[in-house]
PDB file of N, CA and C in Angstrom:
ATOM      1  N   MET A   1       0.852  -1.177   0.000  1.00  0.00           N
ATOM      2  CA  MET A   1       0.000   0.000   0.000  1.00  0.00           C
ATOM      3  C   MET A   1       0.897   1.238   0.000  1.00  0.00           C
ATOM      4  N   TYR A   2       0.554   2.184  -0.842  1.00  0.00           N
ATOM      5  CA  TYR A   2       1.280   3.446  -0.931  1.00  0.00           C
ATOM      6  C   TYR A   2       0.399   4.559  -0.381  1.00  0.00           C
ATOM      7  N   GLU A   3       1.049   5.551   0.234  1.00  0.00           N
ATOM      8  CA  GLU A   3       0.296   6.671   0.796  1.00  0.00           C
ATOM      9  C   GLU A   3       1.000   7.976   0.473  1.00  0.00           C
ATOM     10  N   LEU A   4       0.215   8.957   0.023  1.00  0.00           N
ATOM     11  CA  LEU A   4       0.705  10.313  -0.184  1.00  0.00           C
ATOM     12  C   LEU A   4       0.059  11.220   0.849  1.00  0.00           C
ATOM     13  N   LYS A   5       0.756  12.299   1.198  1.00  0.00           N
ATOM     14  CA  LYS A   5       0.176  13.309   2.075  1.00  0.00           C
ATOM     15  C   LYS A   5       0.473  14.674   1.498  1.00  0.00           C
ATOM     16  N   VAL A   6      -0.564  15.496   1.409  1.00  0.00           N
ATOM     17  CA  VAL A   6      -0.432  16.887   0.993  1.00  0.00           C
ATOM     18  C   VAL A   6      -0.941  17.743   2.137  1.00  0.00           C
ATOM     19  N   VAL A   7      -0.184  18.771   2.471  1.00  0.00           N
ATOM     20  CA  VAL A   7      -0.564  19.696   3.535  1.00  0.00           C
ATOM     21  C   VAL A   7      -0.822  21.064   2.911  1.00  0.00           C
ATOM     22  N   THR A   8      -1.937  21.647   3.282  1.00  0.00           N
ATOM     23  CA  THR A   8      -2.299  22.961   2.776  1.00  0.00           C
ATOM     24  C   THR A   8      -2.975  23.737   3.901  1.00  0.00           C
ATOM     25  N   GLN A   9      -3.515  24.908   3.590  1.00  0.00           N
ATOM     26  CA  GLN A   9      -4.099  25.731   4.646  1.00  0.00           C
ATOM     27  C   GLN A   9      -5.118  26.710   4.101  1.00  0.00           C
ATOM     28  N   PHE A  10      -5.932  27.227   5.002  1.00  0.00           N
ATOM     29  CA  PHE A  10      -6.868  28.294   4.692  1.00  0.00           C
ATOM     30  C   PHE A  10      -7.234  28.985   5.996  1.00  0.00           C
ATOM     31  N   ALA A  11      -7.849  30.140   5.902  1.00  0.00           N
ATOM     32  CA  ALA A  11      -8.302  30.886   7.075  1.00  0.00           C
ATOM     33  C   ALA A  11      -9.805  31.067   6.981  1.00  0.00           C
ATOM     34  N   ALA A  12     -10.487  30.904   8.107  1.00  0.00           N
ATOM     35  CA  ALA A  12     -11.941  31.085   8.118  1.00  0.00           C
ATOM     36  C   ALA A  12     -12.412  31.306   9.556  1.00  0.00           C
ATOM     37  N   ALA A  13     -13.601  31.886   9.660  1.00  0.00           N
ATOM     38  CA  ALA A  13     -14.237  32.108  10.954  1.00  0.00           C
ATOM     39  C   ALA A  13     -15.393  31.138  11.126  1.00  0.00           C
ATOM     40  N   HIS A  14     -15.739  30.888  12.384  1.00  0.00           N
ATOM     41  CA  HIS A  14     -16.912  30.073  12.684  1.00  0.00           C
ATOM     42  C   HIS A  14     -17.341  30.338  14.116  1.00  0.00           C
ATOM     43  N   ARG A  15     -18.471  29.794  14.457  1.00  0.00           N
ATOM     44  CA  ARG A  15     -18.941  29.770  15.839  1.00  0.00           C
ATOM     45  C   ARG A  15     -19.664  28.453  16.026  1.00  0.00           C
ATOM     46  N   LEU A  16     -19.631  27.941  17.250  1.00  0.00           N
ATOM     47  CA  LEU A  16     -20.244  26.650  17.536  1.00  0.00           C
ATOM     48  C   LEU A  16     -21.519  26.856  18.341  1.00  0.00           C
ATOM     49  N   ASN A  17     -22.640  26.544  17.734  1.00  0.00           N
ATOM     50  CA  ASN A  17     -23.926  26.646  18.413  1.00  0.00           C
ATOM     51  C   ASN A  17     -24.060  25.534  19.439  1.00  0.00           C
ATOM     52  N   ASN A  18     -24.795  25.801  20.518  1.00  0.00           N
ATOM     53  CA  ASN A  18     -25.045  24.822  21.582  1.00  0.00           C
ATOM     54  C   ASN A  18     -23.767  24.326  22.238  1.00  0.00           C
ATOM     55  N   PHE A  19     -22.727  25.110  22.199  1.00  0.00           N
ATOM     56  CA  PHE A  19     -21.441  24.716  22.782  1.00  0.00           C
ATOM     57  C   PHE A  19     -21.324  25.164  24.239  1.00  0.00           C
ATOM     58  N   TYR A  20     -21.843  26.313  24.552  1.00  0.00           N
ATOM     59  CA  TYR A  20     -21.833  26.869  25.912  1.00  0.00           C
ATOM     60  C   TYR A  20     -20.419  27.058  26.453  1.00  0.00           C
ATOM     61  N   GLY A  21     -19.605  27.689  25.655  1.00  0.00           N
ATOM     62  CA  GLY A  21     -18.235  28.010  26.041  1.00  0.00           C
ATOM     63  C   GLY A  21     -17.718  29.104  25.134  1.00  0.00           C
ATOM     64  N   LYS A  22     -16.419  29.380  25.233  1.00  0.00           N
ATOM     65  CA  LYS A  22     -15.821  30.467  24.460  1.00  0.00           C
ATOM     66  C   LYS A  22     -16.001  30.294  22.953  1.00  0.00           C
ATOM     67  N   CYS A  23     -16.038  29.071  22.485  1.00  0.00           N
ATOM     68  CA  CYS A  23     -16.129  28.829  21.035  1.00  0.00           C
ATOM     69  C   CYS A  23     -17.527  29.082  20.477  1.00  0.00           C
ATOM     70  N   GLU A  24     -18.477  29.393  21.347  1.00  0.00           N
ATOM     71  CA  GLU A  24     -19.798  29.771  20.851  1.00  0.00           C
ATOM     72  C   GLU A  24     -19.760  31.174  20.265  1.00  0.00           C
ATOM     73  N   ALA A  25     -18.779  31.975  20.661  1.00  0.00           N
ATOM     74  CA  ALA A  25     -18.601  33.317  20.101  1.00  0.00           C
ATOM     75  C   ALA A  25     -17.884  33.217  18.752  1.00  0.00           C
ATOM     76  N   LEU A  26     -18.151  34.168  17.893  1.00  0.00           N
ATOM     77  CA  LEU A  26     -17.475  34.233  16.600  1.00  0.00           C
ATOM     78  C   LEU A  26     -15.964  34.317  16.812  1.00  0.00           C
ATOM     79  N   HIS A  27     -15.230  33.444  16.122  1.00  0.00           N
ATOM     80  CA  HIS A  27     -13.774  33.446  16.186  1.00  0.00           C
ATOM     81  C   HIS A  27     -13.234  32.798  14.913  1.00  0.00           C
ATOM     82  N   GLY A  28     -11.954  32.922  14.690  1.00  0.00           N
ATOM     83  CA  GLY A  28     -11.364  32.371  13.475  1.00  0.00           C
ATOM     84  C   GLY A  28     -10.145  31.521  13.753  1.00  0.00           C
ATOM     85  N   HIS A  29      -9.755  30.796  12.723  1.00  0.00           N
ATOM     86  CA  HIS A  29      -8.563  29.943  12.781  1.00  0.00           C
ATOM     87  C   HIS A  29      -7.810  30.059  11.460  1.00  0.00           C
ATOM     88  N   ASN A  30      -6.521  29.841  11.534  1.00  0.00           N
ATOM     89  CA  ASN A  30      -5.724  29.557  10.353  1.00  0.00           C
ATOM     90  C   ASN A  30      -5.615  28.040  10.320  1.00  0.00           C
ATOM     91  N   TRP A  31      -6.511  27.431   9.561  1.00  0.00           N
ATOM     92  CA  TRP A  31      -6.641  25.979   9.531  1.00  0.00           C
ATOM     93  C   TRP A  31      -5.529  25.359   8.686  1.00  0.00           C
ATOM     94  N   LYS A  32      -4.929  24.291   9.174  1.00  0.00           N
ATOM     95  CA  LYS A  32      -4.016  23.469   8.385  1.00  0.00           C
ATOM     96  C   LYS A  32      -4.793  22.219   8.000  1.00  0.00           C
ATOM     97  N   VAL A  33      -4.655  21.784   6.762  1.00  0.00           N
ATOM     98  CA  VAL A  33      -5.378  20.614   6.261  1.00  0.00           C
ATOM     99  C   VAL A  33      -4.366  19.595   5.753  1.00  0.00           C
ATOM    100  N   GLU A  34      -4.496  18.349   6.221  1.00  0.00           N
ATOM    101  CA  GLU A  34      -3.677  17.245   5.743  1.00  0.00           C
ATOM    102  C   GLU A  34      -4.583  16.296   4.962  1.00  0.00           C
ATOM    103  N   ILE A  35      -4.172  15.986   3.740  1.00  0.00           N
ATOM    104  CA  ILE A  35      -4.940  15.109   2.856  1.00  0.00           C
ATOM    105  C   ILE A  35      -4.096  13.867   2.593  1.00  0.00           C
ATOM    106  N   PHE A  36      -4.660  12.701   2.893  1.00  0.00           N
ATOM    107  CA  PHE A  36      -3.965  11.429   2.676  1.00  0.00           C
ATOM    108  C   PHE A  36      -4.652  10.676   1.547  1.00  0.00           C
ATOM    109  N   VAL A  37      -3.854  10.210   0.590  1.00  0.00           N
ATOM    110  CA  VAL A  37      -4.343   9.478  -0.573  1.00  0.00           C
ATOM    111  C   VAL A  37      -3.561   8.174  -0.654  1.00  0.00           C
ATOM    112  N   THR A  38      -4.265   7.058  -0.887  1.00  0.00           N
ATOM    113  CA  THR A  38      -3.593   5.768  -0.960  1.00  0.00           C
ATOM    114  C   THR A  38      -3.934   5.028  -2.247  1.00  0.00           C
ATOM    115  N   ALA A  39      -3.074   4.064  -2.554  1.00  0.00           N
ATOM    116  CA  ALA A  39      -3.299   3.153  -3.686  1.00  0.00           C
ATOM    117  C   ALA A  39      -2.525   1.880  -3.423  1.00  0.00           C
ATOM    118  N   ASP A  40      -3.054   0.768  -3.906  1.00  0.00           N
ATOM    119  CA  ASP A  40      -2.362  -0.515  -3.787  1.00  0.00           C
ATOM    120  C   ASP A  40      -1.241  -0.645  -4.810  1.00  0.00           C
ATOM    121  N   SER A  41      -1.369   0.090  -5.898  1.00  0.00           N
ATOM    122  CA  SER A  41      -0.383  -0.031  -6.973  1.00  0.00           C
ATOM    123  C   SER A  41      -0.057   1.348  -7.524  1.00  0.00           C
ATOM    124  N   LEU A  42       1.023   1.402  -8.283  1.00  0.00           N
ATOM    125  CA  LEU A  42       1.449   2.649  -8.920  1.00  0.00           C
ATOM    126  C   LEU A  42       0.977   2.678 -10.365  1.00  0.00           C
ATOM    127  N   ASP A  43       0.872   3.879 -10.912  1.00  0.00           N
ATOM    128  CA  ASP A  43       0.499   4.000 -12.319  1.00  0.00           C
ATOM    129  C   ASP A  43       1.708   3.711 -13.202  1.00  0.00           C
ATOM    130  N   GLU A  44       1.543   3.858 -14.510  1.00  0.00           N
ATOM    131  CA  GLU A  44       2.621   3.538 -15.450  1.00  0.00           C
ATOM    132  C   GLU A  44       3.831   4.446 -15.304  1.00  0.00           C
ATOM    133  N   ALA A  45       3.651   5.614 -14.651  1.00  0.00           N
ATOM    134  CA  ALA A  45       4.782   6.515 -14.406  1.00  0.00           C
ATOM    135  C   ALA A  45       5.460   6.216 -13.071  1.00  0.00           C
ATOM    136  N   GLY A  46       4.922   5.242 -12.307  1.00  0.00           N
ATOM    137  CA  GLY A  46       5.501   4.913 -11.016  1.00  0.00           C
ATOM    138  C   GLY A  46       5.001   5.806  -9.896  1.00  0.00           C
ATOM    139  N   LEU A  47       3.793   6.357 -10.067  1.00  0.00           N
ATOM    140  CA  LEU A  47       3.212   7.275  -9.084  1.00  0.00           C
ATOM    141  C   LEU A  47       1.887   6.752  -8.560  1.00  0.00           C
ATOM    142  N   VAL A  48       1.541   7.141  -7.334  1.00  0.00           N
ATOM    143  CA  VAL A  48       0.171   6.961  -6.858  1.00  0.00           C
ATOM    144  C   VAL A  48      -0.695   7.947  -7.621  1.00  0.00           C
ATOM    145  N   LEU A  49      -0.310   9.208  -7.582  1.00  0.00           N
ATOM    146  CA  LEU A  49      -1.015  10.304  -8.247  1.00  0.00           C
ATOM    147  C   LEU A  49      -0.078  11.492  -8.232  1.00  0.00           C
ATOM    148  N   ASP A  50      -0.118  12.294  -9.256  1.00  0.00           N
ATOM    149  CA  ASP A  50       0.676  13.510  -9.300  1.00  0.00           C
ATOM    150  C   ASP A  50       0.280  14.400  -8.119  1.00  0.00           C
ATOM    151  N   PHE A  51       1.255  14.806  -7.304  1.00  0.00           N
ATOM    152  CA  PHE A  51       0.966  15.710  -6.185  1.00  0.00           C
ATOM    153  C   PHE A  51       0.236  16.961  -6.663  1.00  0.00           C
ATOM    154  N   GLY A  52       0.579  17.423  -7.860  1.00  0.00           N
ATOM    155  CA  GLY A  52      -0.053  18.626  -8.414  1.00  0.00           C
ATOM    156  C   GLY A  52      -1.558  18.481  -8.568  1.00  0.00           C
ATOM    157  N   LYS A  53      -2.036  17.280  -8.886  1.00  0.00           N
ATOM    158  CA  LYS A  53      -3.475  17.057  -9.016  1.00  0.00           C
ATOM    159  C   LYS A  53      -4.163  17.156  -7.662  1.00  0.00           C
ATOM    160  N   ILE A  54      -3.546  16.591  -6.642  1.00  0.00           N
ATOM    161  CA  ILE A  54      -4.124  16.692  -5.298  1.00  0.00           C
ATOM    162  C   ILE A  54      -4.148  18.154  -4.867  1.00  0.00           C
ATOM    163  N   LYS A  55      -3.030  18.846  -5.069  1.00  0.00           N
ATOM    164  CA  LYS A  55      -2.955  20.260  -4.692  1.00  0.00           C
ATOM    165  C   LYS A  55      -3.982  21.092  -5.443  1.00  0.00           C
ATOM    166  N   SER A  56      -4.176  20.804  -6.714  1.00  0.00           N
ATOM    167  CA  SER A  56      -5.135  21.542  -7.526  1.00  0.00           C
ATOM    168  C   SER A  56      -6.564  21.362  -7.012  1.00  0.00           C
ATOM    169  N   HIS A  57      -6.938  20.118  -6.732  1.00  0.00           N
ATOM    170  CA  HIS A  57      -8.281  19.858  -6.197  1.00  0.00           C
ATOM    171  C   HIS A  57      -8.456  20.500  -4.829  1.00  0.00           C
ATOM    172  N   ALA A  58      -7.424  20.423  -3.991  1.00  0.00           N
ATOM    173  CA  ALA A  58      -7.497  21.039  -2.668  1.00  0.00           C
ATOM    174  C   ALA A  58      -7.618  22.548  -2.778  1.00  0.00           C
ATOM    175  N   LYS A  59      -6.843  23.160  -3.662  1.00  0.00           N
ATOM    176  CA  LYS A  59      -6.899  24.615  -3.827  1.00  0.00           C
ATOM    177  C   LYS A  59      -8.285  25.062  -4.290  1.00  0.00           C
ATOM    178  N   GLU A  60      -8.830  24.356  -5.263  1.00  0.00           N
ATOM    179  CA  GLU A  60     -10.162  24.695  -5.771  1.00  0.00           C
ATOM    180  C   GLU A  60     -11.202  24.648  -4.650  1.00  0.00           C
ATOM    181  N   LEU A  61     -11.160  23.607  -3.839  1.00  0.00           N
ATOM    182  CA  LEU A  61     -12.106  23.463  -2.739  1.00  0.00           C
ATOM    183  C   LEU A  61     -11.858  24.504  -1.655  1.00  0.00           C
ATOM    184  N   LEU A  62     -10.602  24.674  -1.248  1.00  0.00           N
ATOM    185  CA  LEU A  62     -10.309  25.604  -0.158  1.00  0.00           C
ATOM    186  C   LEU A  62     -10.527  27.054  -0.568  1.00  0.00           C
ATOM    187  N   ASP A  63     -10.376  27.372  -1.851  1.00  0.00           N
ATOM    188  CA  ASP A  63     -10.692  28.730  -2.319  1.00  0.00           C
ATOM    189  C   ASP A  63     -12.160  29.071  -2.063  1.00  0.00           C
ATOM    190  N   GLU A  64     -13.030  28.058  -2.075  1.00  0.00           N
ATOM    191  CA  GLU A  64     -14.457  28.285  -1.820  1.00  0.00           C
ATOM    192  C   GLU A  64     -14.733  28.670  -0.368  1.00  0.00           C
ATOM    193  N   ILE A  65     -13.888  28.231   0.553  1.00  0.00           N
ATOM    194  CA  ILE A  65     -14.159  28.469   1.971  1.00  0.00           C
ATOM    195  C   ILE A  65     -13.148  29.401   2.637  1.00  0.00           C
ATOM    196  N   ASP A  66     -12.070  29.739   1.943  1.00  0.00           N
ATOM    197  CA  ASP A  66     -11.049  30.616   2.505  1.00  0.00           C
ATOM    198  C   ASP A  66     -11.642  31.998   2.793  1.00  0.00           C
ATOM    199  N   HIS A  67     -11.344  32.524   3.962  1.00  0.00           N
ATOM    200  CA  HIS A  67     -11.799  33.837   4.405  1.00  0.00           C
ATOM    201  C   HIS A  67     -13.322  33.973   4.359  1.00  0.00           C
ATOM    202  N   THR A  68     -14.005  32.919   4.781  1.00  0.00           N
ATOM    203  CA  THR A  68     -15.462  32.953   4.874  1.00  0.00           C
ATOM    204  C   THR A  68     -15.877  32.765   6.328  1.00  0.00           C
ATOM    205  N   PHE A  69     -17.165  32.963   6.565  1.00  0.00           N
ATOM    206  CA  PHE A  69     -17.799  32.607   7.837  1.00  0.00           C
ATOM    207  C   PHE A  69     -18.435  31.258   7.583  1.00  0.00           C
ATOM    208  N   LEU A  70     -17.816  30.199   8.066  1.00  0.00           N
ATOM    209  CA  LEU A  70     -18.217  28.836   7.727  1.00  0.00           C
ATOM    210  C   LEU A  70     -19.684  28.553   8.031  1.00  0.00           C
ATOM    211  N   ASN A  71     -20.222  29.147   9.085  1.00  0.00           N
ATOM    212  CA  ASN A  71     -21.618  28.910   9.449  1.00  0.00           C
ATOM    213  C   ASN A  71     -22.587  29.305   8.346  1.00  0.00           C
ATOM    214  N   GLU A  72     -22.183  30.214   7.464  1.00  0.00           N
ATOM    215  CA  GLU A  72     -23.060  30.695   6.397  1.00  0.00           C
ATOM    216  C   GLU A  72     -23.033  29.817   5.152  1.00  0.00           C
ATOM    217  N   LEU A  73     -22.119  28.851   5.092  1.00  0.00           N
ATOM    218  CA  LEU A  73     -22.033  27.979   3.918  1.00  0.00           C
ATOM    219  C   LEU A  73     -23.183  26.976   3.926  1.00  0.00           C
ATOM    220  N   PRO A  74     -23.708  26.605   2.747  1.00  0.00           N
ATOM    221  CA  PRO A  74     -24.811  25.636   2.699  1.00  0.00           C
ATOM    222  C   PRO A  74     -24.512  24.336   3.451  1.00  0.00           C
ATOM    223  N   ALA A  75     -23.293  23.861   3.421  1.00  0.00           N
ATOM    224  CA  ALA A  75     -22.940  22.602   4.081  1.00  0.00           C
ATOM    225  C   ALA A  75     -23.096  22.671   5.595  1.00  0.00           C
ATOM    226  N   PHE A  76     -23.103  23.878   6.152  1.00  0.00           N
ATOM    227  CA  PHE A  76     -23.162  24.016   7.607  1.00  0.00           C
ATOM    228  C   PHE A  76     -24.407  24.766   8.067  1.00  0.00           C
ATOM    229  N   GLN A  77     -25.432  24.749   7.250  1.00  0.00           N
ATOM    230  CA  GLN A  77     -26.678  25.391   7.641  1.00  0.00           C
ATOM    231  C   GLN A  77     -27.405  24.602   8.722  1.00  0.00           C
ATOM    232  N   HIS A  78     -27.199  23.285   8.776  1.00  0.00           N
ATOM    233  CA  HIS A  78     -27.921  22.441   9.728  1.00  0.00           C
ATOM    234  C   HIS A  78     -26.988  21.647  10.636  1.00  0.00           C
ATOM    235  N   GLN A  79     -25.712  22.027  10.639  1.00  0.00           N
ATOM    236  CA  GLN A  79     -24.754  21.388  11.532  1.00  0.00           C
ATOM    237  C   GLN A  79     -23.647  22.388  11.850  1.00  0.00           C
ATOM    238  N   ASN A  80     -23.046  22.245  13.000  1.00  0.00           N
ATOM    239  CA  ASN A  80     -21.943  23.115  13.378  1.00  0.00           C
ATOM    240  C   ASN A  80     -20.745  22.902  12.462  1.00  0.00           C
ATOM    241  N   PRO A  81     -20.060  23.977  12.113  1.00  0.00           N
ATOM    242  CA  PRO A  81     -18.805  23.829  11.379  1.00  0.00           C
ATOM    243  C   PRO A  81     -17.659  23.524  12.346  1.00  0.00           C
ATOM    244  N   SER A  82     -17.830  22.455  13.099  1.00  0.00           N
ATOM    245  CA  SER A  82     -16.797  22.002  14.031  1.00  0.00           C
ATOM    246  C   SER A  82     -15.625  21.433  13.229  1.00  0.00           C
ATOM    247  N   SER A  83     -14.520  21.251  13.886  1.00  0.00           N
ATOM    248  CA  SER A  83     -13.371  20.628  13.217  1.00  0.00           C
ATOM    249  C   SER A  83     -13.740  19.254  12.679  1.00  0.00           C
ATOM    250  N   GLU A  84     -14.523  18.503  13.450  1.00  0.00           N
ATOM    251  CA  GLU A  84     -14.927  17.161  13.030  1.00  0.00           C
ATOM    252  C   GLU A  84     -15.784  17.212  11.763  1.00  0.00           C
ATOM    253  N   ASN A  85     -16.786  18.101  11.756  1.00  0.00           N
ATOM    254  CA  ASN A  85     -17.661  18.213  10.586  1.00  0.00           C
ATOM    255  C   ASN A  85     -16.918  18.800   9.388  1.00  0.00           C
ATOM    256  N   LEU A  86     -15.997  19.704   9.641  1.00  0.00           N
ATOM    257  CA  LEU A  86     -15.201  20.267   8.555  1.00  0.00           C
ATOM    258  C   LEU A  86     -14.306  19.198   7.934  1.00  0.00           C
ATOM    259  N   ALA A  87     -13.719  18.354   8.758  1.00  0.00           N
ATOM    260  CA  ALA A  87     -12.881  17.263   8.233  1.00  0.00           C
ATOM    261  C   ALA A  87     -13.704  16.335   7.347  1.00  0.00           C
ATOM    262  N   ARG A  88     -14.913  15.983   7.793  1.00  0.00           N
ATOM    263  CA  ARG A  88     -15.776  15.106   6.987  1.00  0.00           C
ATOM    264  C   ARG A  88     -16.181  15.796   5.681  1.00  0.00           C
ATOM    265  N   TYR A  89     -16.547  17.066   5.745  1.00  0.00           N
ATOM    266  CA  TYR A  89     -16.932  17.824   4.557  1.00  0.00           C
ATOM    267  C   TYR A  89     -15.802  17.830   3.527  1.00  0.00           C
ATOM    268  N   LEU A  90     -14.589  18.155   3.972  1.00  0.00           N
ATOM    269  CA  LEU A  90     -13.454  18.189   3.048  1.00  0.00           C
ATOM    270  C   LEU A  90     -13.141  16.803   2.503  1.00  0.00           C
ATOM    271  N   PHE A  91     -13.227  15.790   3.360  1.00  0.00           N
ATOM    272  CA  PHE A  91     -13.008  14.398   2.932  1.00  0.00           C
ATOM    273  C   PHE A  91     -13.980  14.023   1.812  1.00  0.00           C
ATOM    274  N   GLU A  92     -15.250  14.282   2.018  1.00  0.00           N
ATOM    275  CA  GLU A  92     -16.261  13.899   1.022  1.00  0.00           C
ATOM    276  C   GLU A  92     -16.072  14.653  -0.291  1.00  0.00           C
ATOM    277  N   ARG A  93     -15.807  15.947  -0.216  1.00  0.00           N
ATOM    278  CA  ARG A  93     -15.614  16.732  -1.442  1.00  0.00           C
ATOM    279  C   ARG A  93     -14.359  16.288  -2.195  1.00  0.00           C
ATOM    280  N   LEU A  94     -13.266  16.085  -1.466  1.00  0.00           N
ATOM    281  CA  LEU A  94     -12.027  15.659  -2.125  1.00  0.00           C
ATOM    282  C   LEU A  94     -12.151  14.245  -2.677  1.00  0.00           C
ATOM    283  N   SER A  95     -12.837  13.369  -1.961  1.00  0.00           N
ATOM    284  CA  SER A  95     -13.055  12.009  -2.464  1.00  0.00           C
ATOM    285  C   SER A  95     -13.806  12.036  -3.782  1.00  0.00           C
ATOM    286  N   SER A  96     -14.811  12.888  -3.887  1.00  0.00           N
ATOM    287  CA  SER A  96     -15.579  13.004  -5.138  1.00  0.00           C
ATOM    288  C   SER A  96     -14.701  13.433  -6.298  1.00  0.00           C
ATOM    289  N   ALA A  97     -13.726  14.274  -6.015  1.00  0.00           N
ATOM    290  CA  ALA A  97     -12.866  14.805  -7.075  1.00  0.00           C
ATOM    291  C   ALA A  97     -11.701  13.877  -7.426  1.00  0.00           C
ATOM    292  N   ILE A  98     -11.209  13.115  -6.459  1.00  0.00           N
ATOM    293  CA  ILE A  98      -9.958  12.368  -6.639  1.00  0.00           C
ATOM    294  C   ILE A  98     -10.153  10.868  -6.819  1.00  0.00           C
ATOM    295  N   ASN A  99     -11.069  10.276  -6.092  1.00  0.00           N
ATOM    296  CA  ASN A  99     -11.169   8.810  -6.070  1.00  0.00           C
ATOM    297  C   ASN A  99     -11.452   8.217  -7.453  1.00  0.00           C
ATOM    298  N   ASP A 100     -10.801   7.083  -7.704  1.00  0.00           N
ATOM    299  CA  ASP A 100     -11.104   6.281  -8.882  1.00  0.00           C
ATOM    300  C   ASP A 100     -10.937   4.813  -8.485  1.00  0.00           C
ATOM    301  N   GLN A 101     -10.817   3.928  -9.441  1.00  0.00           N
ATOM    302  CA  GLN A 101     -10.711   2.499  -9.136  1.00  0.00           C
ATOM    303  C   GLN A 101      -9.457   2.159  -8.328  1.00  0.00           C
ATOM    304  N   ARG A 102      -8.401   2.947  -8.496  1.00  0.00           N
ATOM    305  CA  ARG A 102      -7.110   2.633  -7.884  1.00  0.00           C
ATOM    306  C   ARG A 102      -6.754   3.553  -6.718  1.00  0.00           C
ATOM    307  N   VAL A 103      -7.117   4.817  -6.803  1.00  0.00           N
ATOM    308  CA  VAL A 103      -6.690   5.852  -5.864  1.00  0.00           C
ATOM    309  C   VAL A 103      -7.859   6.264  -4.977  1.00  0.00           C
ATOM    310  N   LYS A 104      -7.598   6.382  -3.660  1.00  0.00           N
ATOM    311  CA  LYS A 104      -8.648   6.767  -2.719  1.00  0.00           C
ATOM    312  C   LYS A 104      -8.118   7.794  -1.722  1.00  0.00           C
ATOM    313  N   VAL A 105      -8.919   8.812  -1.448  1.00  0.00           N
ATOM    314  CA  VAL A 105      -8.666   9.667  -0.293  1.00  0.00           C
ATOM    315  C   VAL A 105      -9.051   8.829   0.921  1.00  0.00           C
ATOM    316  N   THR A 106      -8.135   8.667   1.851  1.00  0.00           N
ATOM    317  CA  THR A 106      -8.414   7.808   3.004  1.00  0.00           C
ATOM    318  C   THR A 106      -8.507   8.570   4.315  1.00  0.00           C
ATOM    319  N   ARG A 107      -8.036   9.813   4.335  1.00  0.00           N
ATOM    320  CA  ARG A 107      -8.050  10.576   5.580  1.00  0.00           C
ATOM    321  C   ARG A 107      -7.877  12.051   5.277  1.00  0.00           C
ATOM    322  N   VAL A 108      -8.631  12.878   5.982  1.00  0.00           N
ATOM    323  CA  VAL A 108      -8.428  14.325   5.958  1.00  0.00           C
ATOM    324  C   VAL A 108      -8.418  14.792   7.407  1.00  0.00           C
ATOM    325  N   ALA A 109      -7.355  15.481   7.784  1.00  0.00           N
ATOM    326  CA  ALA A 109      -7.245  16.055   9.127  1.00  0.00           C
ATOM    327  C   ALA A 109      -7.235  17.569   9.002  1.00  0.00           C
ATOM    328  N   VAL A 110      -7.944  18.222   9.905  1.00  0.00           N
ATOM    329  CA  VAL A 110      -7.922  19.688   9.973  1.00  0.00           C
ATOM    330  C   VAL A 110      -7.390  20.103  11.337  1.00  0.00           C
ATOM    331  N   TRP A 111      -6.452  21.001  11.314  1.00  0.00           N
ATOM    332  CA  TRP A 111      -5.822  21.529  12.527  1.00  0.00           C
ATOM    333  C   TRP A 111      -6.326  22.946  12.735  1.00  0.00           C
ATOM    334  N   GLU A 112      -6.949  23.195  13.884  1.00  0.00           N
ATOM    335  CA  GLU A 112      -7.401  24.558  14.175  1.00  0.00           C
ATOM    336  C   GLU A 112      -6.382  25.307  15.014  1.00  0.00           C
ATOM    337  N   SER A 113      -5.379  24.610  15.522  1.00  0.00           N
ATOM    338  CA  SER A 113      -4.255  25.237  16.216  1.00  0.00           C
ATOM    339  C   SER A 113      -3.063  24.295  16.085  1.00  0.00           C
ATOM    340  N   ASP A 114      -1.934  24.698  16.634  1.00  0.00           N
ATOM    341  CA  ASP A 114      -0.747  23.845  16.591  1.00  0.00           C
ATOM    342  C   ASP A 114      -0.901  22.589  17.440  1.00  0.00           C
ATOM    343  N   HIS A 115      -1.918  22.577  18.302  1.00  0.00           N
ATOM    344  CA  HIS A 115      -2.042  21.483  19.261  1.00  0.00           C
ATOM    345  C   HIS A 115      -3.332  20.688  19.153  1.00  0.00           C
ATOM    346  N   THR A 116      -4.268  21.118  18.295  1.00  0.00           N
ATOM    347  CA  THR A 116      -5.560  20.431  18.232  1.00  0.00           C
ATOM    348  C   THR A 116      -5.983  20.194  16.787  1.00  0.00           C
ATOM    349  N   SER A 117      -6.450  18.980  16.547  1.00  0.00           N
ATOM    350  CA  SER A 117      -6.921  18.638  15.212  1.00  0.00           C
ATOM    351  C   SER A 117      -8.039  17.613  15.320  1.00  0.00           C
ATOM    352  N   ALA A 118      -8.744  17.464  14.205  1.00  0.00           N
ATOM    353  CA  ALA A 118      -9.759  16.415  14.072  1.00  0.00           C
ATOM    354  C   ALA A 118      -9.575  15.812  12.688  1.00  0.00           C
ATOM    355  N   ALA A 119      -9.905  14.530  12.571  1.00  0.00           N
ATOM    356  CA  ALA A 119      -9.739  13.846  11.294  1.00  0.00           C
ATOM    357  C   ALA A 119     -10.981  13.037  10.978  1.00  0.00           C
ATOM    358  N   TYR A 120     -11.216  12.868   9.677  1.00  0.00           N
ATOM    359  CA  TYR A 120     -12.240  11.954   9.185  1.00  0.00           C
ATOM    360  C   TYR A 120     -11.523  11.006   8.246  1.00  0.00           C
ATOM    361  N   PHE A 121     -11.777   9.685   8.391  1.00  0.00           N
ATOM    362  CA  PHE A 121     -11.018   8.715   7.614  1.00  0.00           C
ATOM    363  C   PHE A 121     -11.814   7.445   7.391  1.00  0.00           C
ATOM    364  N   LEU A 122     -11.309   6.652   6.439  1.00  0.00           N
ATOM    365  CA  LEU A 122     -11.876   5.333   6.187  1.00  0.00           C
ATOM    366  C   LEU A 122     -11.338   4.373   7.232  1.00  0.00           C
ATOM    367  N   ALA A 123     -12.212   3.593   7.810  1.00  0.00           N
ATOM    368  CA  ALA A 123     -11.779   2.622   8.831  1.00  0.00           C
ATOM    369  C   ALA A 123     -11.414   1.310   8.188  1.00  0.00           C
TER     370      ALA A 123
END
């Protein structure tokens, strides 16, 4: 099994409803995103996937949410834009763009600080 990892970032604000703590107030993060892609075999060029393709898909997606108020996005109209939900959202969107018969997005982690992160992954 082969695994690639691409790390990228974006900035956005959010607030957590029904949290009853400091994070219920509007605040922002400089989010770090880790994208893991795996394959059992390599392509004819000896690659899992061109890193540039992963970066391109990630940039396109993150450009949609960079410098936004996450709570206002359609994906978070009925759920908190928590780190956990954001990781799942990014995982699902990137999987739709990248996955094929051989290559799969297997994990997306989002870091809201240097010390805290949440991930969504295939078990």
